[in-house]
Amino acid sequence: MKTVLLGAPGSGKGTQSIILSRRYNVPQISTGDLLRKAIKSGYELNEKAKTAIDAGAFVSDDIVIGLIHKRLSNDDTKNGYIIDGFPRNIIQAKSLDLMLEKLNKNLEGVILFDIDYKELIQRLTGRRTCNNCGAIYNIHSSIPLIKDNCNHCNGKLFIRTDDNEETISNRIKIYEKQTIPLINYYNEQNKFHSIPGTGDIDEIASTVSALFDRI
């Protein structure tokens, strides 16, 4: 499986990328995770990246593209990968295509998780993330067995700084302006597929798996 998962913040692409990564034994590549690791490790321009993340804005293309290229160059992406949160605009999409062509790891398909605004707000304001393994929970729909603890590794759950309604609304507006044009871009390559982002998590993952089985 060589894919990009698209969707607004809170659409479920992060959760699905983790499930599919385990199912297909290929790495999940999350730009959010890469950026947070870069900030912690003292990556150059990290203060600009941190400011953008806290404000719900997108980080500059050169920073994100550099991190993605470094990650995709690793040997563990040879048999597949699942990219979550990138590309977010046409410039990034074209850069990714060139990058993958040079690495001989071209995309097989692109999936959009479609979900309405009200549910996005509820999902994100109720989201809790494990500080150890990155697993995602929600106080409304995916409640951990033990409050504030991860079911998988018992790590502590935390609320991300960007999971507040004002920041979320800003992120969705930016998403609609910059990311939606990607639908046409990938449609022209016959790689675009859209599925509902609501419903049972495992059923959504099975829908994606069935799609790639056909591809």
Protein backbone atom coordinates (compact mmCIF):
# COMPACT_ATOMS: atom_id res chain seq x y z
CA MET A 1 0.00 0.00 0.00
CA LYS A 2 1.42 3.35 -1.12
CA THR A 3 -1.11 6.00 -0.28
CA VAL A 4 -1.92 9.49 0.92
CA LEU A 5 -4.86 9.95 3.28
CA LEU A 6 -6.66 13.26 2.89
CA GLY A 7 -9.32 14.88 5.05
CA ALA A 8 -10.07 17.85 7.24
CA PRO A 9 -8.60 17.96 10.77
CA GLY A 10 -10.56 15.38 12.79
CA SER A 11 -11.77 13.41 9.77
CA GLY A 12 -10.16 10.24 11.10
CA LYS A 13 -7.19 9.98 8.76
CA GLY A 14 -4.77 9.77 11.70
CA THR A 15 -6.65 6.91 13.33
CA GLN A 16 -7.04 5.09 10.02
CA SER A 17 -3.39 5.51 9.12
CA ILE A 18 -2.38 3.76 12.36
CA ILE A 19 -4.84 0.88 11.80
CA LEU A 20 -3.83 0.43 8.16
CA SER A 21 -0.14 0.67 9.02
CA ARG A 22 -0.50 -2.32 11.36
CA ARG A 23 -2.68 -4.21 8.89
CA TYR A 24 -0.29 -3.82 5.95
CA ASN A 25 2.95 -3.68 7.97
CA VAL A 26 4.05 -0.43 6.34
CA PRO A 27 5.05 2.79 8.12
CA GLN A 28 2.60 5.53 8.93
CA ILE A 29 4.08 8.92 8.09
CA SER A 30 2.34 11.78 9.86
CA THR A 31 3.50 15.32 9.18
CA GLY A 32 2.16 16.34 12.58
CA ASP A 33 4.29 13.69 14.30
CA LEU A 34 7.34 14.58 12.21
CA LEU A 35 6.99 18.26 13.08
CA ARG A 36 6.53 17.63 16.79
CA LYS A 37 9.60 15.38 16.82
CA ALA A 38 11.55 18.01 14.90
CA ILE A 39 10.60 20.67 17.44
CA LYS A 40 11.71 18.47 20.35
CA SER A 41 15.01 17.60 18.65
CA GLY A 42 15.89 21.22 17.89
CA TYR A 43 15.32 21.05 14.13
CA GLU A 44 16.30 24.26 12.33
CA LEU A 45 13.47 26.86 12.20
CA ASN A 46 11.62 24.91 14.90
CA GLU A 47 10.31 28.08 16.55
CA LYS A 48 8.52 29.09 13.35
CA ALA A 49 7.08 25.60 13.06
CA LYS A 50 5.91 25.60 16.69
CA THR A 51 4.25 29.01 16.32
CA ALA A 52 2.39 27.84 13.22
CA ILE A 53 1.25 24.59 14.85
CA ASP A 54 -0.02 26.38 17.98
CA ALA A 55 -1.97 28.83 15.80
CA GLY A 56 -3.51 26.07 13.70
CA ALA A 57 -1.71 27.31 10.60
CA PHE A 58 0.25 25.23 8.11
CA VAL A 59 4.02 25.09 8.37
CA SER A 60 6.02 26.41 5.40
CA ASP A 61 6.43 24.03 2.47
CA ASP A 62 10.22 23.88 2.59
CA ILE A 63 10.25 22.59 6.18
CA VAL A 64 7.55 19.98 5.62
CA ILE A 65 8.93 18.78 2.28
CA GLY A 66 12.39 18.35 3.80
CA LEU A 67 11.03 16.23 6.66
CA ILE A 68 8.89 14.10 4.33
CA HIS A 69 11.79 13.48 1.94
CA LYS A 70 14.04 12.40 4.78
CA ARG A 71 11.38 9.98 6.08
CA LEU A 72 10.49 8.50 2.69
CA SER A 73 14.19 7.86 1.98
CA ASN A 74 14.31 5.27 4.78
CA ASP A 75 14.42 1.58 3.81
CA ASP A 76 11.22 0.74 5.70
CA THR A 77 9.15 2.61 3.06
CA LYS A 78 10.37 0.34 0.25
CA ASN A 79 7.30 -1.93 0.36
CA GLY A 80 4.78 0.78 1.11
CA TYR A 81 3.82 3.75 3.24
CA ILE A 82 0.78 5.66 4.46
CA ILE A 83 1.16 9.45 4.45
CA ASP A 84 -1.17 11.36 6.78
CA GLY A 85 -1.40 15.16 6.60
CA PHE A 86 0.60 15.73 3.41
CA PRO A 87 0.30 17.12 0.79
CA ARG A 88 -1.90 20.05 1.80
CA ASN A 89 -1.67 22.10 -1.38
CA ILE A 90 -0.86 21.71 -5.08
CA ILE A 91 2.77 22.83 -4.67
CA GLN A 92 3.34 20.11 -2.06
CA ALA A 93 1.53 17.53 -4.22
CA LYS A 94 3.78 18.23 -7.21
CA SER A 95 6.87 18.11 -5.00
CA LEU A 96 5.71 14.80 -3.56
CA ASP A 97 5.16 13.31 -7.03
CA LEU A 98 8.68 14.29 -8.12
CA MET A 99 10.13 12.98 -4.87
CA LEU A 100 8.35 9.63 -5.13
CA GLU A 101 9.29 9.23 -8.79
CA LYS A 102 12.97 9.68 -7.95
CA LEU A 103 12.65 7.21 -5.07
CA ASN A 104 10.67 4.76 -7.26
CA LYS A 105 7.85 4.73 -4.70
CA ASN A 106 4.97 6.23 -6.69
CA LEU A 107 1.50 6.59 -5.17
CA GLU A 108 -1.04 3.84 -5.88
CA GLY A 109 -4.08 5.76 -4.65
CA VAL A 110 -5.29 8.73 -2.60
CA ILE A 111 -8.16 8.46 -0.11
CA LEU A 112 -10.33 11.33 1.16
CA PHE A 113 -12.32 10.84 4.38
CA ASP A 114 -15.45 12.96 3.97
CA ILE A 115 -17.13 14.35 7.12
CA ASP A 116 -19.32 17.36 8.01
CA TYR A 117 -18.26 20.43 10.01
CA LYS A 118 -20.28 19.83 13.20
CA GLU A 119 -18.86 16.35 13.69
CA LEU A 120 -15.35 17.64 13.05
CA ILE A 121 -15.70 20.16 15.88
CA GLN A 122 -16.99 17.52 18.30
CA ARG A 123 -14.26 15.07 17.37
CA LEU A 124 -11.44 17.54 17.78
CA THR A 125 -12.52 19.27 20.97
CA GLY A 126 -13.03 15.81 22.52
CA ARG A 127 -9.79 14.33 21.18
CA ARG A 128 -7.18 12.91 23.53
CA THR A 129 -3.77 11.66 22.33
CA CYS A 130 -1.36 9.21 23.99
CA ASN A 131 1.96 10.88 24.80
CA ASN A 132 3.78 7.57 24.32
CA CYS A 133 2.47 5.69 21.26
CA GLY A 134 0.32 8.41 19.64
CA ALA A 135 -2.97 6.47 19.83
CA ILE A 136 -6.03 8.73 19.55
CA TYR A 137 -9.18 8.64 21.70
CA ASN A 138 -12.31 10.78 22.03
CA ILE A 139 -14.31 11.53 25.18
CA HIS A 140 -17.52 11.37 23.10
CA SER A 141 -17.03 8.33 20.89
CA SER A 142 -13.82 6.41 21.60
CA ILE A 143 -13.43 6.47 25.37
CA PRO A 144 -10.32 4.81 26.88
CA LEU A 145 -10.92 1.89 29.26
CA ILE A 146 -9.09 3.77 32.03
CA LYS A 147 -9.62 7.52 32.16
CA ASP A 148 -6.61 9.48 30.88
CA ASN A 149 -4.65 6.29 30.08
CA CYS A 150 -3.96 4.59 26.75
CA ASN A 151 -5.48 1.13 26.19
CA HIS A 152 -2.39 -0.07 24.29
CA CYS A 153 0.59 1.12 26.33
CA ASN A 154 -0.92 2.74 29.43
CA GLY A 155 0.65 6.06 28.43
CA LYS A 156 -0.90 9.30 29.63
CA LEU A 157 -3.47 11.02 27.40
CA PHE A 158 -3.19 14.73 26.72
CA ILE A 159 -5.10 17.50 24.92
CA ARG A 160 -3.16 18.95 22.01
CA THR A 161 -2.63 22.71 22.11
CA ASP A 162 -4.37 23.06 18.75
CA ASP A 163 -7.52 21.18 19.84
CA ASN A 164 -9.66 24.22 20.73
CA GLU A 165 -12.63 25.51 18.74
CA GLU A 166 -11.04 28.75 17.53
CA THR A 167 -7.90 27.04 16.29
CA ILE A 168 -9.92 24.19 14.77
CA SER A 169 -12.15 26.61 12.83
CA ASN A 170 -9.05 28.33 11.48
CA ARG A 171 -7.54 25.00 10.43
CA ILE A 172 -10.72 23.95 8.62
CA LYS A 173 -10.88 27.25 6.71
CA ILE A 174 -7.27 26.84 5.61
CA TYR A 175 -7.98 23.20 4.70
CA GLU A 176 -10.95 24.15 2.52
CA LYS A 177 -8.95 26.83 0.69
CA GLN A 178 -5.73 24.91 0.12
CA THR A 179 -6.46 21.20 0.29
CA ILE A 180 -9.75 20.72 -1.58
CA PRO A 181 -8.11 21.61 -4.97
CA LEU A 182 -6.08 18.41 -4.50
CA ILE A 183 -9.25 16.48 -5.34
CA ASN A 184 -9.07 17.70 -8.94
CA TYR A 185 -5.29 17.17 -9.05
CA TYR A 186 -5.51 13.50 -8.07
CA ASN A 187 -8.70 12.93 -10.09
CA GLU A 188 -6.73 13.86 -13.20
CA GLN A 189 -4.26 11.10 -12.29
CA ASN A 190 -7.09 8.60 -11.71
CA LYS A 191 -5.80 8.07 -8.17
CA PHE A 192 -8.52 9.81 -6.14
CA HIS A 193 -11.13 7.99 -4.02
CA SER A 194 -13.59 9.38 -1.47
CA ILE A 195 -15.24 7.45 1.36
CA PRO A 196 -17.44 8.56 4.29
CA GLY A 197 -15.41 9.38 7.39
CA THR A 198 -18.24 8.50 9.78
CA GLY A 199 -19.23 5.14 11.19
CA ASP A 200 -17.42 2.22 12.77
CA ILE A 201 -13.63 2.68 12.70
CA ASP A 202 -12.88 -0.93 11.72
CA GLU A 203 -15.51 -0.87 8.96
CA ILE A 204 -13.94 2.28 7.50
CA ALA A 205 -10.53 0.58 7.54
CA SER A 206 -12.03 -2.47 5.80
CA THR A 207 -13.52 -0.20 3.11
CA VAL A 208 -10.07 1.28 2.46
CA SER A 209 -8.49 -2.20 2.41
CA ALA A 210 -11.07 -3.46 -0.09
CA LEU A 211 -10.38 -0.46 -2.30
CA PHE A 212 -6.63 -1.17 -2.36
CA ASP A 213 -7.24 -4.84 -2.97
CA ARG A 214 -8.96 -3.77 -6.21
CA ILE A 215 -6.16 -1.38 -7.09
